[in-house]
Amino acid sequence: MVLAASEAFAKTFGLIVTFGGIGVVVNVIIVYIVVQVRGERRQNEELLSSRKPPGS
């Protein structure tokens, strides 16, 4: 009985760690993408504002 409970706990804990780790990795990738997009948008806005004629 103790062996079965220990095996079940080990498998459950392993699954929690595995899927939790996958969730963390996915969240890190999403944050990285968001930061990259914001940086590129800022660069595009700076480029467009520098190309505008002085009178407009």
Protein backbone atom coordinates (compact mmCIF):
# COMPACT_ATOMS: atom_id res chain seq x y z
CA MET A 1 0.00 0.00 0.00
CA VAL A 2 2.81 2.44 0.86
CA LEU A 3 4.63 1.54 -2.35
CA ALA A 4 1.52 2.25 -4.45
CA ALA A 5 0.95 5.59 -2.72
CA SER A 6 4.59 6.53 -3.16
CA GLU A 7 4.54 5.57 -6.85
CA ALA A 8 1.35 7.55 -7.41
CA PHE A 9 2.84 10.57 -5.65
CA ALA A 10 6.03 10.30 -7.68
CA LYS A 11 4.12 10.19 -10.97
CA THR A 12 1.81 13.02 -9.94
CA PHE A 13 4.72 15.18 -8.80
CA GLY A 14 6.61 14.41 -12.00
CA LEU A 15 3.64 15.46 -14.13
CA ILE A 16 3.18 18.67 -12.14
CA VAL A 17 6.86 19.54 -12.57
CA THR A 18 6.81 18.68 -16.28
CA PHE A 19 3.72 20.64 -17.22
CA GLY A 20 4.57 23.47 -14.84
CA GLY A 21 7.99 23.73 -16.47
CA ILE A 22 6.44 23.77 -19.92
CA GLY A 23 4.12 26.57 -18.78
CA VAL A 24 7.04 28.61 -17.49
CA VAL A 25 8.97 28.17 -20.74
CA VAL A 26 5.94 29.20 -22.82
CA ASN A 27 5.37 32.28 -20.65
CA VAL A 28 9.03 33.31 -20.99
CA ILE A 29 8.79 32.98 -24.78
CA ILE A 30 5.60 35.07 -24.86
CA VAL A 31 7.18 37.81 -22.73
CA TYR A 32 10.24 37.80 -25.00
CA ILE A 33 8.04 38.19 -28.08
CA VAL A 34 6.11 41.08 -26.49
CA VAL A 35 9.34 42.89 -25.58
CA GLN A 36 10.69 42.43 -29.10
CA VAL A 37 7.47 43.74 -30.68
CA ARG A 38 7.42 46.81 -28.44
CA GLY A 39 11.07 47.54 -29.22
CA GLU A 40 10.55 47.25 -32.97
CA ARG A 41 7.46 49.46 -32.79
CA ARG A 42 9.43 52.12 -30.92
CA GLN A 43 12.20 51.96 -33.54
CA ASN A 44 9.65 52.28 -36.36
CA GLU A 45 8.05 55.30 -34.71
CA GLU A 46 11.45 56.96 -34.26
CA LEU A 47 12.33 56.29 -37.88
CA LEU A 48 9.04 57.68 -39.14
CA SER A 49 9.29 60.80 -36.98
CA SER A 50 12.83 61.49 -38.22
CA ARG A 51 11.72 61.21 -41.87
CA LYS A 52 8.87 63.74 -41.57
CA PRO A 53 9.52 67.13 -43.15
CA PRO A 54 10.08 69.91 -40.59
CA GLY A 55 6.88 71.78 -41.52
CA SER A 56 4.44 68.91 -40.91
